[in-house]
C-alpha atoms as a PDB file:
ATOM      1  CA  MET A   1     -87.290  29.880 -27.684  1.00  0.00           C
ATOM      2  CA  THR A   2     -87.730  32.507 -30.362  1.00  0.00           C
ATOM      3  CA  LYS A   3     -89.344  35.910 -29.723  1.00  0.00           C
ATOM      4  CA  ARG A   4     -91.189  37.853 -32.978  1.00  0.00           C
ATOM      5  CA  THR A   5     -91.104  41.806 -33.018  1.00  0.00           C
ATOM      6  CA  ARG A   6     -92.916  41.311 -36.302  1.00  0.00           C
ATOM      7  CA  PHE A   7     -93.854  38.747 -39.046  1.00  0.00           C
ATOM      8  CA  ALA A   8     -92.944  39.318 -43.205  1.00  0.00           C
ATOM      9  CA  GLU A   9     -96.080  38.944 -45.178  1.00  0.00           C
ATOM     10  CA  GLY A  10     -97.890  35.422 -45.523  1.00  0.00           C
ATOM     11  CA  GLU A  11     -95.437  33.910 -42.275  1.00  0.00           C
ATOM     12  CA  VAL A  12     -98.724  32.881 -40.202  1.00  0.00           C
ATOM     13  CA  CYS A  13     -98.624  35.414 -37.080  1.00  0.00           C
ATOM     14  CA  TRP A  14    -101.017  34.831 -35.021  1.00  0.00           C
ATOM     15  CA  THR A  15    -103.888  32.749 -33.877  1.00  0.00           C
ATOM     16  CA  ASP A  16    -107.252  33.360 -31.314  1.00  0.00           C
ATOM     17  CA  LEU A  17    -110.094  31.168 -30.023  1.00  0.00           C
ATOM     18  CA  GLN A  18    -113.680  31.801 -30.728  1.00  0.00           C
ATOM     19  CA  THR A  19    -115.231  29.628 -27.370  1.00  0.00           C
ATOM     20  CA  LYS A  20    -118.832  30.007 -25.677  1.00  0.00           C
ATOM     21  CA  ASP A  21    -117.311  30.316 -22.322  1.00  0.00           C
ATOM     22  CA  VAL A  22    -114.245  32.447 -22.450  1.00  0.00           C
ATOM     23  CA  GLU A  23    -113.827  31.394 -18.219  1.00  0.00           C
ATOM     24  CA  ALA A  24    -113.980  27.908 -18.532  1.00  0.00           C
ATOM     25  CA  ALA A  25    -111.244  27.914 -21.667  1.00  0.00           C
ATOM     26  CA  LYS A  26    -109.159  30.541 -19.613  1.00  0.00           C
ATOM     27  CA  SER A  27    -108.818  27.672 -16.880  1.00  0.00           C
ATOM     28  CA  PHE A  28    -108.829  25.174 -19.152  1.00  0.00           C
ATOM     29  CA  TYR A  29    -105.398  26.534 -21.092  1.00  0.00           C
ATOM     30  CA  ALA A  30    -104.468  27.733 -17.771  1.00  0.00           C
ATOM     31  CA  GLU A  31    -103.736  23.844 -16.922  1.00  0.00           C
ATOM     32  CA  VAL A  32    -102.203  22.607 -20.098  1.00  0.00           C
ATOM     33  CA  PHE A  33    -100.119  25.681 -21.105  1.00  0.00           C
ATOM     34  CA  GLY A  34     -99.582  27.969 -17.952  1.00  0.00           C
ATOM     35  CA  TRP A  35    -100.747  30.610 -19.267  1.00  0.00           C
ATOM     36  CA  ARG A  36    -101.713  34.373 -17.375  1.00  0.00           C
ATOM     37  CA  TYR A  37    -104.719  36.410 -18.791  1.00  0.00           C
ATOM     38  CA  GLU A  38    -105.228  39.772 -18.503  1.00  0.00           C
ATOM     39  CA  ASP A  39    -108.992  40.746 -19.515  1.00  0.00           C
ATOM     40  CA  LEU A  40    -110.224  43.480 -21.484  1.00  0.00           C
ATOM     41  CA  PRO A  41    -114.250  44.361 -22.279  1.00  0.00           C
ATOM     42  CA  THR A  42    -115.356  44.050 -26.021  1.00  0.00           C
ATOM     43  CA  PRO A  43    -118.178  46.882 -27.142  1.00  0.00           C
ATOM     44  CA  GLY A  44    -121.029  44.671 -26.653  1.00  0.00           C
ATOM     45  CA  GLY A  45    -120.147  44.234 -22.849  1.00  0.00           C
ATOM     46  CA  ARG A  46    -118.258  40.900 -22.595  1.00  0.00           C
ATOM     47  CA  SER A  47    -114.585  40.669 -22.460  1.00  0.00           C
ATOM     48  CA  TYR A  48    -111.935  38.351 -24.272  1.00  0.00           C
ATOM     49  CA  ALA A  49    -108.425  37.722 -22.247  1.00  0.00           C
ATOM     50  CA  GLN A  50    -104.867  38.309 -23.354  1.00  0.00           C
ATOM     51  CA  ALA A  51    -103.106  35.518 -22.512  1.00  0.00           C
ATOM     52  CA  PHE A  52     -99.645  35.624 -21.627  1.00  0.00           C
ATOM     53  CA  LEU A  53     -96.117  33.727 -21.172  1.00  0.00           C
ATOM     54  CA  GLY A  54     -94.672  35.687 -18.817  1.00  0.00           C
ATOM     55  CA  ASP A  55     -94.682  39.460 -19.556  1.00  0.00           C
ATOM     56  CA  GLU A  56     -95.352  38.146 -23.343  1.00  0.00           C
ATOM     57  CA  LEU A  57     -98.370  37.864 -25.559  1.00  0.00           C
ATOM     58  CA  VAL A  58     -99.402  34.735 -27.190  1.00  0.00           C
ATOM     59  CA  THR A  59    -102.751  34.229 -27.731  1.00  0.00           C
ATOM     60  CA  VAL A  60    -106.241  35.425 -26.927  1.00  0.00           C
ATOM     61  CA  ILE A  61    -109.383  33.764 -25.926  1.00  0.00           C
ATOM     62  CA  ALA A  62    -113.080  35.138 -27.235  1.00  0.00           C
ATOM     63  CA  PRO A  63    -116.135  35.119 -27.021  1.00  0.00           C
ATOM     64  CA  GLN A  64    -118.076  33.575 -29.946  1.00  0.00           C
ATOM     65  CA  ASN A  65    -119.430  35.902 -32.166  1.00  0.00           C
ATOM     66  CA  PRO A  66    -123.599  35.815 -32.623  1.00  0.00           C
ATOM     67  CA  GLN A  67    -123.899  33.169 -35.777  1.00  0.00           C
ATOM     68  CA  GLN A  68    -121.389  31.363 -33.828  1.00  0.00           C
ATOM     69  CA  GLU A  69    -123.527  30.929 -30.532  1.00  0.00           C
ATOM     70  CA  ALA A  70    -126.914  30.638 -32.594  1.00  0.00           C
ATOM     71  CA  ALA A  71    -125.591  27.720 -34.513  1.00  0.00           C
ATOM     72  CA  VAL A  72    -124.267  26.224 -31.385  1.00  0.00           C
ATOM     73  CA  ALA A  73    -121.319  26.219 -32.646  1.00  0.00           C
ATOM     74  CA  PRO A  74    -117.939  24.356 -31.337  1.00  0.00           C
ATOM     75  CA  GLY A  75    -115.235  26.474 -29.542  1.00  0.00           C
ATOM     76  CA  GLN A  76    -112.623  27.230 -32.300  1.00  0.00           C
ATOM     77  CA  TRP A  77    -109.332  28.128 -33.184  1.00  0.00           C
ATOM     78  CA  ASN A  78    -108.067  30.847 -35.820  1.00  0.00           C
ATOM     79  CA  VAL A  79    -105.024  31.077 -37.747  1.00  0.00           C
ATOM     80  CA  TYR A  80    -104.107  34.438 -39.335  1.00  0.00           C
ATOM     81  CA  PHE A  81    -101.146  34.988 -42.028  1.00  0.00           C
ATOM     82  CA  ALA A  82     -99.713  38.103 -41.822  1.00  0.00           C
ATOM     83  CA  ALA A  83    -100.498  40.941 -44.652  1.00  0.00           C
ATOM     84  CA  ASP A  84     -98.778  43.835 -45.517  1.00  0.00           C
ATOM     85  CA  ASP A  85    -102.230  45.603 -46.891  1.00  0.00           C
ATOM     86  CA  ALA A  86    -105.303  43.324 -45.361  1.00  0.00           C
ATOM     87  CA  ARG A  87    -108.040  45.139 -48.322  1.00  0.00           C
ATOM     88  CA  GLU A  88    -105.564  44.507 -51.247  1.00  0.00           C
ATOM     89  CA  LEU A  89    -105.757  40.549 -50.355  1.00  0.00           C
ATOM     90  CA  ALA A  90    -109.317  41.027 -49.870  1.00  0.00           C
ATOM     91  CA  ASP A  91    -109.716  42.613 -53.578  1.00  0.00           C
ATOM     92  CA  SER A  92    -107.605  39.921 -55.008  1.00  0.00           C
ATOM     93  CA  LEU A  93    -109.511  36.882 -53.937  1.00  0.00           C
ATOM     94  CA  ALA A  94    -111.815  37.359 -57.001  1.00  0.00           C
ATOM     95  CA  HIS A  95    -109.084  36.461 -59.095  1.00  0.00           C
ATOM     96  CA  SER A  96    -107.722  33.731 -57.166  1.00  0.00           C
ATOM     97  CA  ASN A  97    -110.657  31.810 -56.381  1.00  0.00           C
ATOM     98  CA  GLY A  98    -111.007  32.060 -52.964  1.00  0.00           C
ATOM     99  CA  THR A  99    -113.954  33.307 -50.515  1.00  0.00           C
ATOM    100  CA  LEU A 100    -114.081  36.374 -48.552  1.00  0.00           C
ATOM    101  CA  GLU A 101    -116.083  35.502 -45.290  1.00  0.00           C
ATOM    102  CA  PHE A 102    -115.569  38.384 -43.622  1.00  0.00           C
ATOM    103  CA  GLY A 103    -113.885  42.261 -43.135  1.00  0.00           C
ATOM    104  CA  PRO A 104    -111.852  43.924 -43.797  1.00  0.00           C
ATOM    105  CA  GLU A 105    -112.520  45.209 -40.496  1.00  0.00           C
ATOM    106  CA  THR A 106    -110.017  48.158 -38.698  1.00  0.00           C
ATOM    107  CA  VAL A 107    -109.603  46.915 -35.146  1.00  0.00           C
ATOM    108  CA  GLY A 108    -109.008  50.099 -33.631  1.00  0.00           C
ATOM    109  CA  GLU A 109    -105.215  50.705 -33.405  1.00  0.00           C
ATOM    110  CA  THR A 110    -104.021  47.383 -32.997  1.00  0.00           C
ATOM    111  CA  GLY A 111    -104.915  46.531 -37.052  1.00  0.00           C
ATOM    112  CA  VAL A 112    -107.370  44.799 -40.069  1.00  0.00           C
ATOM    113  CA  MET A 113    -108.389  41.895 -40.394  1.00  0.00           C
ATOM    114  CA  VAL A 114    -109.994  40.025 -43.141  1.00  0.00           C
ATOM    115  CA  PHE A 115    -111.508  36.028 -42.908  1.00  0.00           C
ATOM    116  CA  PHE A 116    -111.111  34.235 -46.089  1.00  0.00           C
ATOM    117  CA  ALA A 117    -111.114  30.511 -47.328  1.00  0.00           C
ATOM    118  CA  PRO A 118    -109.409  29.158 -50.235  1.00  0.00           C
ATOM    119  CA  PRO A 119    -111.064  26.280 -52.241  1.00  0.00           C
ATOM    120  CA  GLY A 120    -111.876  23.458 -50.104  1.00  0.00           C
ATOM    121  CA  GLY A 121    -112.481  25.569 -47.610  1.00  0.00           C
ATOM    122  CA  GLY A 122    -110.901  26.058 -43.960  1.00  0.00           C
ATOM    123  CA  THR A 123    -111.801  29.518 -43.099  1.00  0.00           C
ATOM    124  CA  THR A 124    -107.994  31.538 -42.653  1.00  0.00           C
ATOM    125  CA  GLY A 125    -107.451  35.174 -41.339  1.00  0.00           C
ATOM    126  CA  ALA A 126    -104.885  37.888 -42.559  1.00  0.00           C
ATOM    127  CA  TRP A 127    -104.026  40.363 -40.661  1.00  0.00           C
ATOM    128  CA  GLN A 128    -102.362  43.543 -41.125  1.00  0.00           C
ATOM    129  CA  ALA A 129    -100.417  45.036 -38.553  1.00  0.00           C
ATOM    130  CA  GLY A 130    -100.623  47.738 -36.446  1.00  0.00           C
ATOM    131  CA  THR A 131     -99.966  48.034 -32.673  1.00  0.00           C
ATOM    132  CA  HIS A 132    -100.249  44.463 -33.041  1.00  0.00           C
ATOM    133  CA  PHE A 133     -97.641  42.952 -34.463  1.00  0.00           C
ATOM    134  CA  GLY A 134     -98.895  38.948 -33.367  1.00  0.00           C
ATOM    135  CA  THR A 135     -97.795  36.785 -30.617  1.00  0.00           C
ATOM    136  CA  ALA A 136     -94.365  37.599 -29.258  1.00  0.00           C
ATOM    137  CA  ARG A 137     -92.698  33.470 -28.752  1.00  0.00           C
ATOM    138  CA  THR A 138     -93.184  31.304 -30.967  1.00  0.00           C
ATOM    139  CA  GLU A 139     -91.414  27.056 -30.770  1.00  0.00           C
ATOM    140  CA  GLU A 140     -91.343  26.871 -27.296  1.00  0.00           C
ATOM    141  CA  PRO A 141     -93.748  25.255 -24.908  1.00  0.00           C
ATOM    142  CA  GLY A 142     -96.873  27.151 -24.409  1.00  0.00           C
ATOM    143  CA  ALA A 143     -96.539  29.157 -27.750  1.00  0.00           C
ATOM    144  CA  LEU A 144     -97.744  28.421 -31.309  1.00  0.00           C
ATOM    145  CA  ALA A 145     -95.621  26.158 -33.192  1.00  0.00           C
ATOM    146  CA  TRP A 146     -97.217  25.134 -36.064  1.00  0.00           C
ATOM    147  CA  ALA A 147    -100.365  25.138 -38.624  1.00  0.00           C
ATOM    148  CA  GLU A 148    -101.379  23.189 -41.308  1.00  0.00           C
ATOM    149  CA  LEU A 149    -104.715  22.858 -43.365  1.00  0.00           C
ATOM    150  CA  LEU A 150    -106.548  19.771 -44.212  1.00  0.00           C
ATOM    151  CA  THR A 151    -108.134  20.446 -46.937  1.00  0.00           C
ATOM    152  CA  PRO A 152    -110.082  17.467 -49.630  1.00  0.00           C
ATOM    153  CA  GLU A 153    -108.566  20.013 -52.660  1.00  0.00           C
ATOM    154  CA  PRO A 154    -104.629  20.729 -51.031  1.00  0.00           C
ATOM    155  CA  GLN A 155    -103.143  21.090 -54.890  1.00  0.00           C
ATOM    156  CA  ALA A 156    -106.107  23.594 -55.589  1.00  0.00           C
ATOM    157  CA  ALA A 157    -105.496  25.190 -51.735  1.00  0.00           C
ATOM    158  CA  VAL A 158    -101.399  25.212 -52.676  1.00  0.00           C
ATOM    159  CA  GLY A 159    -101.909  27.284 -55.823  1.00  0.00           C
ATOM    160  CA  PHE A 160    -104.222  29.269 -53.925  1.00  0.00           C
ATOM    161  CA  PHE A 161    -102.037  30.407 -51.354  1.00  0.00           C
ATOM    162  CA  GLN A 162     -99.097  31.194 -53.767  1.00  0.00           C
ATOM    163  CA  GLN A 163    -100.769  33.572 -55.654  1.00  0.00           C
ATOM    164  CA  LEU A 164    -101.755  35.384 -52.566  1.00  0.00           C
ATOM    165  CA  PHE A 165     -98.545  35.570 -51.316  1.00  0.00           C
ATOM    166  CA  GLY A 166     -96.619  34.307 -53.325  1.00  0.00           C
ATOM    167  CA  HIS A 167     -95.322  31.444 -50.473  1.00  0.00           C
ATOM    168  CA  GLU A 168     -92.580  28.572 -52.333  1.00  0.00           C
ATOM    169  CA  VAL A 169     -93.633  25.531 -51.500  1.00  0.00           C
ATOM    170  CA  THR A 170     -91.725  21.975 -50.158  1.00  0.00           C
ATOM    171  CA  GLU A 171     -93.323  19.031 -51.227  1.00  0.00           C
ATOM    172  CA  TYR A 172     -92.303  15.894 -49.095  1.00  0.00           C
ATOM    173  CA  PRO A 173     -94.161  12.111 -50.545  1.00  0.00           C
ATOM    174  CA  GLN A 174     -96.168  10.269 -47.926  1.00  0.00           C
ATOM    175  CA  ASP A 175     -96.500   6.922 -47.163  1.00  0.00           C
ATOM    176  CA  ASP A 176    -100.565   6.968 -48.298  1.00  0.00           C
ATOM    177  CA  GLY A 177     -99.322   7.774 -51.835  1.00  0.00           C
ATOM    178  CA  GLY A 178    -100.318  11.697 -50.827  1.00  0.00           C
ATOM    179  CA  THR A 179     -98.086  14.886 -50.474  1.00  0.00           C
ATOM    180  CA  TYR A 180     -97.666  17.156 -47.568  1.00  0.00           C
ATOM    181  CA  THR A 181     -97.456  20.588 -49.151  1.00  0.00           C
ATOM    182  CA  THR A 182     -95.102  23.126 -46.835  1.00  0.00           C
ATOM    183  CA  LEU A 183     -95.519  27.108 -47.729  1.00  0.00           C
ATOM    184  CA  MET A 184     -92.686  29.128 -47.644  1.00  0.00           C
ATOM    185  CA  VAL A 185     -91.100  32.579 -46.813  1.00  0.00           C
ATOM    186  CA  ASN A 186     -87.881  33.241 -47.055  1.00  0.00           C
ATOM    187  CA  GLY A 187     -86.557  29.959 -46.939  1.00  0.00           C
ATOM    188  CA  ALA A 188     -88.343  29.182 -44.197  1.00  0.00           C
ATOM    189  CA  GLU A 189     -91.080  27.177 -43.628  1.00  0.00           C
ATOM    190  CA  VAL A 190     -94.453  28.852 -42.184  1.00  0.00           C
ATOM    191  CA  ALA A 191     -97.298  26.411 -42.542  1.00  0.00           C
ATOM    192  CA  GLY A 192     -98.651  23.003 -43.839  1.00  0.00           C
ATOM    193  CA  ILE A 193    -101.097  21.550 -46.249  1.00  0.00           C
ATOM    194  CA  ALA A 194    -102.282  18.196 -46.218  1.00  0.00           C
ATOM    195  CA  THR A 195    -105.652  15.733 -47.514  1.00  0.00           C
ATOM    196  CA  VAL A 196    -108.137  15.527 -44.797  1.00  0.00           C
ATOM    197  CA  PRO A 197    -107.052  11.690 -43.331  1.00  0.00           C
ATOM    198  CA  SER A 198    -109.888   9.309 -44.842  1.00  0.00           C
ATOM    199  CA  ASP A 199    -108.691   7.509 -41.471  1.00  0.00           C
ATOM    200  CA  ALA A 200    -109.580   9.972 -39.212  1.00  0.00           C
ATOM    201  CA  GLU A 201    -112.837   8.936 -38.049  1.00  0.00           C
ATOM    202  CA  GLY A 202    -114.745  12.059 -38.192  1.00  0.00           C
ATOM    203  CA  THR A 203    -112.510  13.753 -34.994  1.00  0.00           C
ATOM    204  CA  LEU A 204    -110.914  16.087 -37.871  1.00  0.00           C
ATOM    205  CA  THR A 205    -112.629  18.411 -40.458  1.00  0.00           C
ATOM    206  CA  ALA A 206    -111.509  20.652 -43.554  1.00  0.00           C
ATOM    207  CA  GLY A 207    -110.279  23.615 -41.871  1.00  0.00           C
ATOM    208  CA  TRP A 208    -106.809  24.751 -39.883  1.00  0.00           C
ATOM    209  CA  GLN A 209    -104.910  22.538 -37.010  1.00  0.00           C
ATOM    210  CA  VAL A 210    -103.234  25.141 -34.665  1.00  0.00           C
ATOM    211  CA  TYR A 211     -99.808  23.051 -32.767  1.00  0.00           C
ATOM    212  CA  PHE A 212     -98.435  24.977 -29.234  1.00  0.00           C
ATOM    213  CA  GLY A 213     -95.482  23.945 -28.153  1.00  0.00           C
ATOM    214  CA  VAL A 214     -94.798  21.783 -25.139  1.00  0.00           C
ATOM    215  CA  ALA A 215     -91.749  20.434 -23.106  1.00  0.00           C
ATOM    216  CA  SER A 216     -93.378  16.957 -23.009  1.00  0.00           C
ATOM    217  CA  VAL A 217     -96.642  15.941 -25.270  1.00  0.00           C
ATOM    218  CA  SER A 218     -97.067  13.295 -23.057  1.00  0.00           C
ATOM    219  CA  ASP A 219     -97.535  15.445 -19.645  1.00  0.00           C
ATOM    220  CA  ALA A 220    -100.101  18.201 -21.376  1.00  0.00           C
ATOM    221  CA  VAL A 221    -101.874  15.532 -22.131  1.00  0.00           C
ATOM    222  CA  ALA A 222    -102.309  14.125 -18.845  1.00  0.00           C
ATOM    223  CA  ALA A 223    -102.877  17.658 -18.021  1.00  0.00           C
ATOM    224  CA  ALA A 224    -105.778  18.296 -20.334  1.00  0.00           C
ATOM    225  CA  VAL A 225    -107.334  15.169 -19.401  1.00  0.00           C
ATOM    226  CA  ALA A 226    -107.633  15.863 -16.017  1.00  0.00           C
ATOM    227  CA  ALA A 227    -109.211  19.223 -17.087  1.00  0.00           C
ATOM    228  CA  GLY A 228    -112.123  17.613 -18.992  1.00  0.00           C
ATOM    229  CA  GLY A 229    -110.294  17.641 -22.584  1.00  0.00           C
ATOM    230  CA  VAL A 230    -110.315  14.543 -24.577  1.00  0.00           C
ATOM    231  CA  VAL A 231    -107.316  12.841 -26.614  1.00  0.00           C
ATOM    232  CA  LEU A 232    -108.788  12.821 -30.675  1.00  0.00           C
ATOM    233  CA  ILE A 233    -105.209  11.521 -32.237  1.00  0.00           C
ATOM    234  CA  GLU A 234    -102.935   9.877 -29.693  1.00  0.00           C
ATOM    235  CA  PRO A 235     -99.302  10.708 -29.476  1.00  0.00           C
ATOM    236  CA  ASP A 236     -96.961   9.749 -32.104  1.00  0.00           C
ATOM    237  CA  GLU A 237     -93.776  10.482 -32.828  1.00  0.00           C
ATOM    238  CA  VAL A 238     -93.478  12.036 -37.084  1.00  0.00           C
ATOM    239  CA  GLU A 239     -90.614  11.599 -38.483  1.00  0.00           C
ATOM    240  CA  GLU A 240     -88.779  15.464 -38.938  1.00  0.00           C
ATOM    241  CA  ALA A 241     -91.760  16.393 -37.259  1.00  0.00           C
ATOM    242  CA  GLY A 242     -91.372  15.562 -33.222  1.00  0.00           C
ATOM    243  CA  THR A 243     -93.904  14.338 -31.408  1.00  0.00           C
ATOM    244  CA  ILE A 244     -97.401  15.322 -31.459  1.00  0.00           C
ATOM    245  CA  ALA A 245    -101.564  14.281 -30.377  1.00  0.00           C
ATOM    246  CA  THR A 246    -104.638  16.123 -30.941  1.00  0.00           C
ATOM    247  CA  LEU A 247    -107.318  17.355 -28.253  1.00  0.00           C
ATOM    248  CA  LYS A 248    -110.517  18.802 -28.103  1.00  0.00           C
ATOM    249  CA  ASP A 249    -110.803  21.049 -25.083  1.00  0.00           C
ATOM    250  CA  PRO A 250    -113.797  21.357 -22.940  1.00  0.00           C
ATOM    251  CA  GLN A 251    -116.020  23.773 -24.989  1.00  0.00           C
ATOM    252  CA  GLY A 252    -115.652  21.388 -28.771  1.00  0.00           C
ATOM    253  CA  GLY A 253    -111.766  23.400 -29.624  1.00  0.00           C
ATOM    254  CA  VAL A 254    -109.336  20.961 -31.816  1.00  0.00           C
ATOM    255  CA  PHE A 255    -106.358  22.171 -30.950  1.00  0.00           C
ATOM    256  CA  SER A 256    -102.648  19.786 -31.223  1.00  0.00           C
ATOM    257  CA  LEU A 257     -99.398  19.430 -29.448  1.00  0.00           C
ATOM    258  CA  LEU A 258     -95.681  18.954 -30.446  1.00  0.00           C
ATOM    259  CA  GLU A 259     -93.025  18.336 -28.670  1.00  0.00           C
ATOM    260  CA  ALA A 260     -90.069  19.052 -31.335  1.00  0.00           C
END
């Protein structure tokens, strides 16, 4: 178990889910991870749900924005990197071959949010902390365990994040001839970048994959299926990582499990 009170720039600090049915998503993820919730209103009159492990905030389940609703988009898990200055980061995108998608936007006293995409795509969030710094727990059952970007342009994406946040990298050769690259902050691995698998058969697309820790992948998969989820990638033991599986919730949000 790791409790957090701050994140260094370039670390993955937060995740949230945008979904068309917040109440249904709350029920589903409570069955899988045991989260409890506190509902808060939005300016538009709808509510979003803060998800807790015990008394500590680990993520948020929020309603889709109007554009997502109009496009009948599936649920989407977002990944956020900690940023010291979100506005400066947004300005720097023009010089790093990235694309600004949203913001910067001040979210009350909680912080400043930006969404952008690296070369090859993959909507990515950055969060400048105010009163909210990010998830309070990581690397334990029900909490953020890992995040990786699947992209058709992995080398370009790695260079982009190095330029944007100053990440160091470690490269792991793969059996298929490709490379799995990890981004590093202060000597610790914080996220991965890999090529979209050619054998994914439409189950995975370019973008961020969010991993949550579980005590037992098989038990969590069974709970997810019983709650209406779909298994996209069956449980598999990955060398130096642990047992993983990838699922889709009933509203289409894709997420992964990690049993280390």
